[in-house]
Amino acid sequence: SYNEYKFLQTNLKNQNGIAVFAVKSNITIKRKNNSISEVDLRGGSFGY
């Protein structure tokens, strides 16, 4: 979870970077008359 990410970010001493992320596959992105499907949408925190 996001709360666990924040907890680890605060307390880990031996880390050299940390991020929380999630992936949603097969989405469609549009722009005016153009679109593309089967896109992997990734959500990432600042350390992604």
ModelCIF file with pLDDT and N, C-alpha, C, O atoms, coordinates in Angstrom:
data_MODEL
#
_entry.id   MODEL 
#
_entity.id                         1 
_entity.type                       polymer 
_entity.pdbx_number_of_molecules   1 
#
_entity_poly.entity_id                      1 
_entity_poly.type                           'polypeptide(L)' 
_entity_poly.nstd_linkage                   no 
_entity_poly.nstd_monomer                   no 
_entity_poly.pdbx_seq_one_letter_code       SYNEYKFLQTNLKNQNGIAVFAVKSNITIKRKNNSISEVDLRGGSFGY 
_entity_poly.pdbx_seq_one_letter_code_can   SYNEYKFLQTNLKNQNGIAVFAVKSNITIKRKNNSISEVDLRGGSFGY 
_entity_poly.pdbx_strand_id                 A 
#
loop_
_entity_poly_seq.entity_id 
_entity_poly_seq.num 
_entity_poly_seq.mon_id 
_entity_poly_seq.hetero 
1 1  SER n 
1 2  TYR n 
1 3  ASN n 
1 4  GLU n 
1 5  TYR n 
1 6  LYS n 
1 7  PHE n 
1 8  LEU n 
1 9  GLN n 
1 10 THR n 
1 11 ASN n 
1 12 LEU n 
1 13 LYS n 
1 14 ASN n 
1 15 GLN n 
1 16 ASN n 
1 17 GLY n 
1 18 ILE n 
1 19 ALA n 
1 20 VAL n 
1 21 PHE n 
1 22 ALA n 
1 23 VAL n 
1 24 LYS n 
1 25 SER n 
1 26 ASN n 
1 27 ILE n 
1 28 THR n 
1 29 ILE n 
1 30 LYS n 
1 31 ARG n 
1 32 LYS n 
1 33 ASN n 
1 34 ASN n 
1 35 SER n 
1 36 ILE n 
1 37 SER n 
1 38 GLU n 
1 39 VAL n 
1 40 ASP n 
1 41 LEU n 
1 42 ARG n 
1 43 GLY n 
1 44 GLY n 
1 45 SER n 
1 46 PHE n 
1 47 GLY n 
1 48 TYR n 
#
_struct_asym.id          A 
_struct_asym.entity_id   1 
#
loop_
_ma_qa_metric.id 
_ma_qa_metric.mode 
_ma_qa_metric.name 
_ma_qa_metric.software_group_id 
_ma_qa_metric.type 
1 global pLDDT . pLDDT 
2 local  pLDDT . pLDDT 
#
_ma_qa_metric_global.metric_id      1 
_ma_qa_metric_global.metric_value   88.10 
_ma_qa_metric_global.model_id       1 
_ma_qa_metric_global.ordinal_id     1 
#
loop_
_ma_qa_metric_local.label_asym_id 
_ma_qa_metric_local.label_comp_id 
_ma_qa_metric_local.label_seq_id 
_ma_qa_metric_local.metric_id 
_ma_qa_metric_local.metric_value 
_ma_qa_metric_local.model_id 
_ma_qa_metric_local.ordinal_id 
A SER 1  2 85.00 1 1  
A TYR 2  2 86.00 1 2  
A ASN 3  2 88.00 1 3  
A GLU 4  2 89.00 1 4  
A TYR 5  2 90.00 1 5  
A LYS 6  2 90.00 1 6  
A PHE 7  2 91.00 1 7  
A LEU 8  2 91.00 1 8  
A GLN 9  2 90.00 1 9  
A THR 10 2 90.00 1 10 
A ASN 11 2 90.00 1 11 
A LEU 12 2 88.00 1 12 
A LYS 13 2 86.00 1 13 
A ASN 14 2 82.00 1 14 
A GLN 15 2 84.00 1 15 
A ASN 16 2 83.00 1 16 
A GLY 17 2 85.00 1 17 
A ILE 18 2 90.00 1 18 
A ALA 19 2 89.00 1 19 
A VAL 20 2 90.00 1 20 
A PHE 21 2 89.00 1 21 
A ALA 22 2 88.00 1 22 
A VAL 23 2 88.00 1 23 
A LYS 24 2 89.00 1 24 
A SER 25 2 86.00 1 25 
A ASN 26 2 87.00 1 26 
A ILE 27 2 89.00 1 27 
A THR 28 2 90.00 1 28 
A ILE 29 2 92.00 1 29 
A LYS 30 2 92.00 1 30 
A ARG 31 2 89.00 1 31 
A LYS 32 2 85.00 1 32 
A ASN 33 2 85.00 1 33 
A ASN 34 2 87.00 1 34 
A SER 35 2 87.00 1 35 
A ILE 36 2 89.00 1 36 
A SER 37 2 88.00 1 37 
A GLU 38 2 85.00 1 38 
A VAL 39 2 88.00 1 39 
A ASP 40 2 88.00 1 40 
A LEU 41 2 91.00 1 41 
A ARG 42 2 91.00 1 42 
A GLY 43 2 91.00 1 43 
A GLY 44 2 90.00 1 44 
A SER 45 2 89.00 1 45 
A PHE 46 2 87.00 1 46 
A GLY 47 2 85.00 1 47 
A TYR 48 2 87.00 1 48 
#
loop_
_atom_site.group_PDB 
_atom_site.id 
_atom_site.type_symbol 
_atom_site.label_atom_id 
_atom_site.label_alt_id 
_atom_site.label_comp_id 
_atom_site.label_asym_id 
_atom_site.label_entity_id 
_atom_site.label_seq_id 
_atom_site.pdbx_PDB_ins_code 
_atom_site.Cartn_x 
_atom_site.Cartn_y 
_atom_site.Cartn_z 
_atom_site.occupancy 
_atom_site.B_iso_or_equiv 
_atom_site.pdbx_formal_charge 
_atom_site.auth_seq_id 
_atom_site.auth_comp_id 
_atom_site.auth_asym_id 
_atom_site.auth_atom_id 
_atom_site.pdbx_PDB_model_num 
ATOM 1   N N  . SER A 1 1  ? 0.833  -1.213 0.000   1.00 85.00 ? 1  SER A N  1 
ATOM 2   C CA . SER A 1 1  ? 0.000  0.000  0.000   1.00 85.00 ? 1  SER A CA 1 
ATOM 3   C C  . SER A 1 1  ? 0.865  1.261  0.000   1.00 85.00 ? 1  SER A C  1 
ATOM 4   O O  . SER A 1 1  ? 2.077  1.213  0.212   1.00 85.00 ? 1  SER A O  1 
ATOM 5   N N  . TYR A 1 2  ? 0.206  2.373  -0.243  1.00 86.00 ? 2  TYR A N  1 
ATOM 6   C CA . TYR A 1 2  ? 0.890  3.665  -0.240  1.00 86.00 ? 2  TYR A CA 1 
ATOM 7   C C  . TYR A 1 2  ? 1.399  3.995  1.166   1.00 86.00 ? 2  TYR A C  1 
ATOM 8   O O  . TYR A 1 2  ? 2.486  4.553  1.321   1.00 86.00 ? 2  TYR A O  1 
ATOM 9   N N  . ASN A 1 3  ? 0.615  3.651  2.183   1.00 88.00 ? 3  ASN A N  1 
ATOM 10  C CA . ASN A 1 3  ? 1.038  3.913  3.566   1.00 88.00 ? 3  ASN A CA 1 
ATOM 11  C C  . ASN A 1 3  ? 2.285  3.107  3.922   1.00 88.00 ? 3  ASN A C  1 
ATOM 12  O O  . ASN A 1 3  ? 3.167  3.594  4.629   1.00 88.00 ? 3  ASN A O  1 
ATOM 13  N N  . GLU A 1 4  ? 2.353  1.867  3.427   1.00 89.00 ? 4  GLU A N  1 
ATOM 14  C CA . GLU A 1 4  ? 3.540  1.055  3.681   1.00 89.00 ? 4  GLU A CA 1 
ATOM 15  C C  . GLU A 1 4  ? 4.752  1.635  2.966   1.00 89.00 ? 4  GLU A C  1 
ATOM 16  O O  . GLU A 1 4  ? 5.864  1.599  3.494   1.00 89.00 ? 4  GLU A O  1 
ATOM 17  N N  . TYR A 1 5  ? 4.543  2.164  1.777   1.00 90.00 ? 5  TYR A N  1 
ATOM 18  C CA . TYR A 1 5  ? 5.629  2.836  1.055   1.00 90.00 ? 5  TYR A CA 1 
ATOM 19  C C  . TYR A 1 5  ? 6.160  4.009  1.865   1.00 90.00 ? 5  TYR A C  1 
ATOM 20  O O  . TYR A 1 5  ? 7.372  4.167  2.009   1.00 90.00 ? 5  TYR A O  1 
ATOM 21  N N  . LYS A 1 6  ? 5.255  4.839  2.397   1.00 90.00 ? 6  LYS A N  1 
ATOM 22  C CA . LYS A 1 6  ? 5.672  5.998  3.196   1.00 90.00 ? 6  LYS A CA 1 
ATOM 23  C C  . LYS A 1 6  ? 6.401  5.557  4.467   1.00 90.00 ? 6  LYS A C  1 
ATOM 24  O O  . LYS A 1 6  ? 7.379  6.177  4.885   1.00 90.00 ? 6  LYS A O  1 
ATOM 25  N N  . PHE A 1 7  ? 5.903  4.465  5.075   1.00 91.00 ? 7  PHE A N  1 
ATOM 26  C CA . PHE A 1 7  ? 6.524  3.941  6.291   1.00 91.00 ? 7  PHE A CA 1 
ATOM 27  C C  . PHE A 1 7  ? 7.950  3.467  6.009   1.00 91.00 ? 7  PHE A C  1 
ATOM 28  O O  . PHE A 1 7  ? 8.871  3.773  6.766   1.00 91.00 ? 7  PHE A O  1 
ATOM 29  N N  . LEU A 1 8  ? 8.127  2.715  4.913   1.00 91.00 ? 8  LEU A N  1 
ATOM 30  C CA . LEU A 1 8  ? 9.458  2.235  4.555   1.00 91.00 ? 8  LEU A CA 1 
ATOM 31  C C  . LEU A 1 8  ? 10.372 3.384  4.150   1.00 91.00 ? 8  LEU A C  1 
ATOM 32  O O  . LEU A 1 8  ? 11.558 3.387  4.480   1.00 91.00 ? 8  LEU A O  1 
ATOM 33  N N  . GLN A 1 9  ? 9.828  4.345  3.445   1.00 90.00 ? 9  GLN A N  1 
ATOM 34  C CA . GLN A 1 9  ? 10.619 5.511  3.021   1.00 90.00 ? 9  GLN A CA 1 
ATOM 35  C C  . GLN A 1 9  ? 11.180 6.252  4.226   1.00 90.00 ? 9  GLN A C  1 
ATOM 36  O O  . GLN A 1 9  ? 12.307 6.746  4.188   1.00 90.00 ? 9  GLN A O  1 
ATOM 37  N N  . THR A 1 10 ? 10.398 6.328  5.286   1.00 90.00 ? 10 THR A N  1 
ATOM 38  C CA . THR A 1 10 ? 10.814 7.055  6.482   1.00 90.00 ? 10 THR A CA 1 
ATOM 39  C C  . THR A 1 10 ? 11.812 6.270  7.319   1.00 90.00 ? 10 THR A C  1 
ATOM 40  O O  . THR A 1 10 ? 12.716 6.860  7.911   1.00 90.00 ? 10 THR A O  1 
ATOM 41  N N  . ASN A 1 11 ? 11.665 4.946  7.381   1.00 90.00 ? 11 ASN A N  1 
ATOM 42  C CA . ASN A 1 11 ? 12.421 4.146  8.345   1.00 90.00 ? 11 ASN A CA 1 
ATOM 43  C C  . ASN A 1 11 ? 13.590 3.349  7.779   1.00 90.00 ? 11 ASN A C  1 
ATOM 44  O O  . ASN A 1 11 ? 14.479 2.948  8.531   1.00 90.00 ? 11 ASN A O  1 
ATOM 45  N N  . LEU A 1 12 ? 13.608 3.113  6.479   1.00 88.00 ? 12 LEU A N  1 
ATOM 46  C CA . LEU A 1 12 ? 14.710 2.328  5.911   1.00 88.00 ? 12 LEU A CA 1 
ATOM 47  C C  . LEU A 1 12 ? 16.014 3.121  5.944   1.00 88.00 ? 12 LEU A C  1 
ATOM 48  O O  . LEU A 1 12 ? 16.046 4.289  5.557   1.00 88.00 ? 12 LEU A O  1 
ATOM 49  N N  . LYS A 1 13 ? 17.090 2.480  6.410   1.00 86.00 ? 13 LYS A N  1 
ATOM 50  C CA . LYS A 1 13 ? 18.383 3.153  6.498   1.00 86.00 ? 13 LYS A CA 1 
ATOM 51  C C  . LYS A 1 13 ? 19.335 2.735  5.370   1.00 86.00 ? 13 LYS A C  1 
ATOM 52  O O  . LYS A 1 13 ? 20.241 3.488  5.011   1.00 86.00 ? 13 LYS A O  1 
ATOM 53  N N  . ASN A 1 14 ? 19.130 1.547  4.819   1.00 82.00 ? 14 ASN A N  1 
ATOM 54  C CA . ASN A 1 14 ? 20.076 1.033  3.823   1.00 82.00 ? 14 ASN A CA 1 
ATOM 55  C C  . ASN A 1 14 ? 19.591 1.192  2.390   1.00 82.00 ? 14 ASN A C  1 
ATOM 56  O O  . ASN A 1 14 ? 20.170 0.599  1.480   1.00 82.00 ? 14 ASN A O  1 
ATOM 57  N N  . GLN A 1 15 ? 18.550 1.971  2.168   1.00 84.00 ? 15 GLN A N  1 
ATOM 58  C CA . GLN A 1 15 ? 18.010 2.120  0.818   1.00 84.00 ? 15 GLN A CA 1 
ATOM 59  C C  . GLN A 1 15 ? 18.709 3.239  0.058   1.00 84.00 ? 15 GLN A C  1 
ATOM 60  O O  . GLN A 1 15 ? 19.169 4.226  0.632   1.00 84.00 ? 15 GLN A O  1 
ATOM 61  N N  . ASN A 1 16 ? 18.769 3.044  -1.265  1.00 83.00 ? 16 ASN A N  1 
ATOM 62  C CA . ASN A 1 16 ? 19.399 4.020  -2.156  1.00 83.00 ? 16 ASN A CA 1 
ATOM 63  C C  . ASN A 1 16 ? 18.373 4.571  -3.145  1.00 83.00 ? 16 ASN A C  1 
ATOM 64  O O  . ASN A 1 16 ? 18.734 5.102  -4.195  1.00 83.00 ? 16 ASN A O  1 
ATOM 65  N N  . GLY A 1 17 ? 17.115 4.441  -2.806  1.00 85.00 ? 17 GLY A N  1 
ATOM 66  C CA . GLY A 1 17 ? 16.018 4.883  -3.660  1.00 85.00 ? 17 GLY A CA 1 
ATOM 67  C C  . GLY A 1 17 ? 14.808 4.017  -3.408  1.00 85.00 ? 17 GLY A C  1 
ATOM 68  O O  . GLY A 1 17 ? 14.940 2.804  -3.251  1.00 85.00 ? 17 GLY A O  1 
ATOM 69  N N  . ILE A 1 18 ? 13.621 4.617  -3.365  1.00 90.00 ? 18 ILE A N  1 
ATOM 70  C CA . ILE A 1 18 ? 12.410 3.854  -3.090  1.00 90.00 ? 18 ILE A CA 1 
ATOM 71  C C  . ILE A 1 18 ? 11.248 4.477  -3.849  1.00 90.00 ? 18 ILE A C  1 
ATOM 72  O O  . ILE A 1 18 ? 11.180 5.696  -4.006  1.00 90.00 ? 18 ILE A O  1 
ATOM 73  N N  . ALA A 1 19 ? 10.331 3.629  -4.319  1.00 89.00 ? 19 ALA A N  1 
ATOM 74  C CA . ALA A 1 19 ? 9.180  4.127  -5.065  1.00 89.00 ? 19 ALA A CA 1 
ATOM 75  C C  . ALA A 1 19 ? 8.038  3.137  -4.935  1.00 89.00 ? 19 ALA A C  1 
ATOM 76  O O  . ALA A 1 19 ? 8.253  1.934  -4.784  1.00 89.00 ? 19 ALA A O  1 
ATOM 77  N N  . VAL A 1 20 ? 6.817  3.661  -4.995  1.00 90.00 ? 20 VAL A N  1 
ATOM 78  C CA . VAL A 1 20 ? 5.633  2.822  -5.103  1.00 90.00 ? 20 VAL A CA 1 
ATOM 79  C C  . VAL A 1 20 ? 5.085  2.996  -6.512  1.00 90.00 ? 20 VAL A C  1 
ATOM 80  O O  . VAL A 1 20 ? 5.115  4.097  -7.063  1.00 90.00 ? 20 VAL A O  1 
ATOM 81  N N  . PHE A 1 21 ? 4.587  1.919  -7.091  1.00 89.00 ? 21 PHE A N  1 
ATOM 82  C CA . PHE A 1 21 ? 4.101  2.007  -8.462  1.00 89.00 ? 21 PHE A CA 1 
ATOM 83  C C  . PHE A 1 21 ? 2.992  0.983  -8.674  1.00 89.00 ? 21 PHE A C  1 
ATOM 84  O O  . PHE A 1 21 ? 2.858  0.021  -7.919  1.00 89.00 ? 21 PHE A O  1 
ATOM 85  N N  . ALA A 1 22 ? 2.206  1.212  -9.715  1.00 88.00 ? 22 ALA A N  1 
ATOM 86  C CA . ALA A 1 22 ? 1.146  0.284  -10.112 1.00 88.00 ? 22 ALA A CA 1 
ATOM 87  C C  . ALA A 1 22 ? 1.005  0.357  -11.620 1.00 88.00 ? 22 ALA A C  1 
ATOM 88  O O  . ALA A 1 22 ? 1.373  1.352  -12.244 1.00 88.00 ? 22 ALA A O  1 
ATOM 89  N N  . VAL A 1 23 ? 0.465  -0.713 -12.204 1.00 88.00 ? 23 VAL A N  1 
ATOM 90  C CA . VAL A 1 23 ? 0.359  -0.801 -13.663 1.00 88.00 ? 23 VAL A CA 1 
ATOM 91  C C  . VAL A 1 23 ? -1.062 -1.199 -14.057 1.00 88.00 ? 23 VAL A C  1 
ATOM 92  O O  . VAL A 1 23 ? -1.633 -2.132 -13.493 1.00 88.00 ? 23 VAL A O  1 
ATOM 93  N N  . LYS A 1 24 ? -1.618 -0.493 -15.016 1.00 89.00 ? 24 LYS A N  1 
ATOM 94  C CA . LYS A 1 24 ? -2.898 -0.848 -15.624 1.00 89.00 ? 24 LYS A CA 1 
ATOM 95  C C  . LYS A 1 24 ? -2.640 -1.082 -17.106 1.00 89.00 ? 24 LYS A C  1 
ATOM 96  O O  . LYS A 1 24 ? -2.184 -0.185 -17.814 1.00 89.00 ? 24 LYS A O  1 
ATOM 97  N N  . SER A 1 25 ? -2.938 -2.306 -17.575 1.00 86.00 ? 25 SER A N  1 
ATOM 98  C CA . SER A 1 25 ? -2.661 -2.658 -18.968 1.00 86.00 ? 25 SER A CA 1 
ATOM 99  C C  . SER A 1 25 ? -3.878 -2.434 -19.857 1.00 86.00 ? 25 SER A C  1 
ATOM 100 O O  . SER A 1 25 ? -5.013 -2.323 -19.393 1.00 86.00 ? 25 SER A O  1 
ATOM 101 N N  . ASN A 1 26 ? -3.593 -2.375 -21.141 1.00 87.00 ? 26 ASN A N  1 
ATOM 102 C CA . ASN A 1 26 ? -4.640 -2.325 -22.182 1.00 87.00 ? 26 ASN A CA 1 
ATOM 103 C C  . ASN A 1 26 ? -5.581 -1.130 -22.034 1.00 87.00 ? 26 ASN A C  1 
ATOM 104 O O  . ASN A 1 26 ? -6.797 -1.272 -22.156 1.00 87.00 ? 26 ASN A O  1 
ATOM 105 N N  . ILE A 1 27 ? -5.020 0.032  -21.775 1.00 89.00 ? 27 ILE A N  1 
ATOM 106 C CA . ILE A 1 27 ? -5.859 1.230  -21.767 1.00 89.00 ? 27 ILE A CA 1 
ATOM 107 C C  . ILE A 1 27 ? -5.730 1.919  -23.134 1.00 89.00 ? 27 ILE A C  1 
ATOM 108 O O  . ILE A 1 27 ? -4.862 1.579  -23.939 1.00 89.00 ? 27 ILE A O  1 
ATOM 109 N N  . THR A 1 28 ? -6.598 2.874  -23.368 1.00 90.00 ? 28 THR A N  1 
ATOM 110 C CA . THR A 1 28 ? -6.583 3.628  -24.625 1.00 90.00 ? 28 THR A CA 1 
ATOM 111 C C  . THR A 1 28 ? -6.317 5.095  -24.326 1.00 90.00 ? 28 THR A C  1 
ATOM 112 O O  . THR A 1 28 ? -6.914 5.674  -23.419 1.00 90.00 ? 28 THR A O  1 
ATOM 113 N N  . ILE A 1 29 ? -5.420 5.687  -25.096 1.00 92.00 ? 29 ILE A N  1 
ATOM 114 C CA . ILE A 1 29 ? -5.111 7.118  -24.956 1.00 92.00 ? 29 ILE A CA 1 
ATOM 115 C C  . ILE A 1 29 ? -5.546 7.812  -26.243 1.00 92.00 ? 29 ILE A C  1 
ATOM 116 O O  . ILE A 1 29 ? -5.288 7.325  -27.344 1.00 92.00 ? 29 ILE A O  1 
ATOM 117 N N  . LYS A 1 30 ? -6.203 8.945  -26.088 1.00 92.00 ? 30 LYS A N  1 
ATOM 118 C CA . LYS A 1 30 ? -6.725 9.673  -27.249 1.00 92.00 ? 30 LYS A CA 1 
ATOM 119 C C  . LYS A 1 30 ? -6.158 11.082 -27.278 1.00 92.00 ? 30 LYS A C  1 
ATOM 120 O O  . LYS A 1 30 ? -5.798 11.664 -26.255 1.00 92.00 ? 30 LYS A O  1 
ATOM 121 N N  . ARG A 1 31 ? -6.097 11.601 -28.493 1.00 89.00 ? 31 ARG A N  1 
ATOM 122 C CA . ARG A 1 31 ? -5.739 13.001 -28.683 1.00 89.00 ? 31 ARG A CA 1 
ATOM 123 C C  . ARG A 1 31 ? -6.350 13.473 -30.001 1.00 89.00 ? 31 ARG A C  1 
ATOM 124 O O  . ARG A 1 31 ? -5.887 13.100 -31.079 1.00 89.00 ? 31 ARG A O  1 
ATOM 125 N N  . LYS A 1 32 ? -7.372 14.279 -29.905 1.00 85.00 ? 32 LYS A N  1 
ATOM 126 C CA . LYS A 1 32 ? -8.154 14.709 -31.069 1.00 85.00 ? 32 LYS A CA 1 
ATOM 127 C C  . LYS A 1 32 ? -8.639 13.478 -31.832 1.00 85.00 ? 32 LYS A C  1 
ATOM 128 O O  . LYS A 1 32 ? -9.350 12.647 -31.267 1.00 85.00 ? 32 LYS A O  1 
ATOM 129 N N  . ASN A 1 33 ? -8.263 13.347 -33.114 1.00 85.00 ? 33 ASN A N  1 
ATOM 130 C CA . ASN A 1 33 ? -8.718 12.214 -33.912 1.00 85.00 ? 33 ASN A CA 1 
ATOM 131 C C  . ASN A 1 33 ? -7.774 11.009 -33.838 1.00 85.00 ? 33 ASN A C  1 
ATOM 132 O O  . ASN A 1 33 ? -8.031 9.973  -34.452 1.00 85.00 ? 33 ASN A O  1 
ATOM 133 N N  . ASN A 1 34 ? -6.702 11.151 -33.097 1.00 87.00 ? 34 ASN A N  1 
ATOM 134 C CA . ASN A 1 34 ? -5.727 10.074 -32.981 1.00 87.00 ? 34 ASN A CA 1 
ATOM 135 C C  . ASN A 1 34 ? -5.928 9.328  -31.665 1.00 87.00 ? 34 ASN A C  1 
ATOM 136 O O  . ASN A 1 34 ? -6.246 9.933  -30.641 1.00 87.00 ? 34 ASN A O  1 
ATOM 137 N N  . SER A 1 35 ? -5.741 8.025  -31.702 1.00 87.00 ? 35 SER A N  1 
ATOM 138 C CA . SER A 1 35 ? -5.829 7.227  -30.472 1.00 87.00 ? 35 SER A CA 1 
ATOM 139 C C  . SER A 1 35 ? -4.931 6.010  -30.616 1.00 87.00 ? 35 SER A C  1 
ATOM 140 O O  . SER A 1 35 ? -4.599 5.593  -31.726 1.00 87.00 ? 35 SER A O  1 
ATOM 141 N N  . ILE A 1 36 ? -4.549 5.454  -29.497 1.00 89.00 ? 36 ILE A N  1 
ATOM 142 C CA . ILE A 1 36 ? -3.733 4.239  -29.480 1.00 89.00 ? 36 ILE A CA 1 
ATOM 143 C C  . ILE A 1 36 ? -4.195 3.399  -28.298 1.00 89.00 ? 36 ILE A C  1 
ATOM 144 O O  . ILE A 1 36 ? -4.401 3.914  -27.200 1.00 89.00 ? 36 ILE A O  1 
ATOM 145 N N  . SER A 1 37 ? -4.355 2.099  -28.534 1.00 88.00 ? 37 SER A N  1 
ATOM 146 C CA . SER A 1 37 ? -4.835 1.199  -27.489 1.00 88.00 ? 37 SER A CA 1 
ATOM 147 C C  . SER A 1 37 ? -3.736 0.234  -27.063 1.00 88.00 ? 37 SER A C  1 
ATOM 148 O O  . SER A 1 37 ? -2.609 0.295  -27.555 1.00 88.00 ? 37 SER A O  1 
ATOM 149 N N  . GLU A 1 38 ? -4.086 -0.660 -26.136 1.00 85.00 ? 38 GLU A N  1 
ATOM 150 C CA . GLU A 1 38 ? -3.150 -1.634 -25.577 1.00 85.00 ? 38 GLU A CA 1 
ATOM 151 C C  . GLU A 1 38 ? -1.914 -0.958 -24.993 1.00 85.00 ? 38 GLU A C  1 
ATOM 152 O O  . GLU A 1 38 ? -0.785 -1.407 -25.190 1.00 85.00 ? 38 GLU A O  1 
ATOM 153 N N  . VAL A 1 39 ? -2.152 0.112  -24.283 1.00 88.00 ? 39 VAL A N  1 
ATOM 154 C CA . VAL A 1 39 ? -1.077 0.880  -23.643 1.00 88.00 ? 39 VAL A CA 1 
ATOM 155 C C  . VAL A 1 39 ? -0.950 0.449  -22.190 1.00 88.00 ? 39 VAL A C  1 
ATOM 156 O O  . VAL A 1 39 ? -1.952 0.214  -21.514 1.00 88.00 ? 39 VAL A O  1 
ATOM 157 N N  . ASP A 1 40 ? 0.285  0.346  -21.711 1.00 88.00 ? 40 ASP A N  1 
ATOM 158 C CA . ASP A 1 40 ? 0.538  0.109  -20.288 1.00 88.00 ? 40 ASP A CA 1 
ATOM 159 C C  . ASP A 1 40 ? 0.642  1.457  -19.586 1.00 88.00 ? 40 ASP A C  1 
ATOM 160 O O  . ASP A 1 40 ? 1.535  2.256  -19.870 1.00 88.00 ? 40 ASP A O  1 
ATOM 161 N N  . LEU A 1 41 ? -0.283 1.692  -18.671 1.00 91.00 ? 41 LEU A N  1 
ATOM 162 C CA . LEU A 1 41 ? -0.260 2.936  -17.896 1.00 91.00 ? 41 LEU A CA 1 
ATOM 163 C C  . LEU A 1 41 ? 0.384  2.645  -16.556 1.00 91.00 ? 41 LEU A C  1 
ATOM 164 O O  . LEU A 1 41 ? -0.068 1.773  -15.814 1.00 91.00 ? 41 LEU A O  1 
ATOM 165 N N  . ARG A 1 42 ? 1.434  3.375  -16.253 1.00 91.00 ? 42 ARG A N  1 
ATOM 166 C CA . ARG A 1 42 ? 2.145  3.190  -14.988 1.00 91.00 ? 42 ARG A CA 1 
ATOM 167 C C  . ARG A 1 42 ? 1.983  4.426  -14.119 1.00 91.00 ? 42 ARG A C  1 
ATOM 168 O O  . ARG A 1 42 ? 2.137  5.559  -14.577 1.00 91.00 ? 42 ARG A O  1 
ATOM 169 N N  . GLY A 1 43 ? 1.673  4.180  -12.867 1.00 91.00 ? 43 GLY A N  1 
ATOM 170 C CA . GLY A 1 43 ? 1.662  5.253  -11.891 1.00 91.00 ? 43 GLY A CA 1 
ATOM 171 C C  . GLY A 1 43 ? 2.856  5.109  -10.983 1.00 91.00 ? 43 GLY A C  1 
ATOM 172 O O  . GLY A 1 43 ? 3.028  4.060  -10.362 1.00 91.00 ? 43 GLY A O  1 
ATOM 173 N N  . GLY A 1 44 ? 3.680  6.120  -10.884 1.00 90.00 ? 44 GLY A N  1 
ATOM 174 C CA . GLY A 1 44 ? 4.901  6.024  -10.086 1.00 90.00 ? 44 GLY A CA 1 
ATOM 175 C C  . GLY A 1 44 ? 5.090  7.205  -9.171  1.00 90.00 ? 44 GLY A C  1 
ATOM 176 O O  . GLY A 1 44 ? 4.713  8.329  -9.500  1.00 90.00 ? 44 GLY A O  1 
ATOM 177 N N  . SER A 1 45 ? 5.674  6.948  -8.024  1.00 89.00 ? 45 SER A N  1 
ATOM 178 C CA . SER A 1 45 ? 5.978  8.035  -7.087  1.00 89.00 ? 45 SER A CA 1 
ATOM 179 C C  . SER A 1 45 ? 7.233  8.775  -7.540  1.00 89.00 ? 45 SER A C  1 
ATOM 180 O O  . SER A 1 45 ? 7.776  8.492  -8.608  1.00 89.00 ? 45 SER A O  1 
ATOM 181 N N  . PHE A 1 46 ? 7.688  9.717  -6.730  1.00 87.00 ? 46 PHE A N  1 
ATOM 182 C CA . PHE A 1 46 ? 8.802  10.578 -7.143  1.00 87.00 ? 46 PHE A CA 1 
ATOM 183 C C  . PHE A 1 46 ? 10.081 9.785  -7.416  1.00 87.00 ? 46 PHE A C  1 
ATOM 184 O O  . PHE A 1 46 ? 10.845 10.153 -8.309  1.00 87.00 ? 46 PHE A O  1 
ATOM 185 N N  . GLY A 1 47 ? 10.334 8.707  -6.670  1.00 85.00 ? 47 GLY A N  1 
ATOM 186 C CA . GLY A 1 47 ? 11.563 7.930  -6.841  1.00 85.00 ? 47 GLY A CA 1 
ATOM 187 C C  . GLY A 1 47 ? 11.483 6.876  -7.933  1.00 85.00 ? 47 GLY A C  1 
ATOM 188 O O  . GLY A 1 47 ? 12.376 6.037  -8.047  1.00 85.00 ? 47 GLY A O  1 
ATOM 189 N N  . TYR A 1 48 ? 10.430 6.905  -8.734  1.00 87.00 ? 48 TYR A N  1 
ATOM 190 C CA . TYR A 1 48 ? 10.252 5.890  -9.784  1.00 87.00 ? 48 TYR A CA 1 
ATOM 191 C C  . TYR A 1 48 ? 11.441 5.859  -10.749 1.00 87.00 ? 48 TYR A C  1 
ATOM 192 O O  . TYR A 1 48 ? 11.452 5.064  -11.689 1.00 87.00 ? 48 TYR A O  1 
#
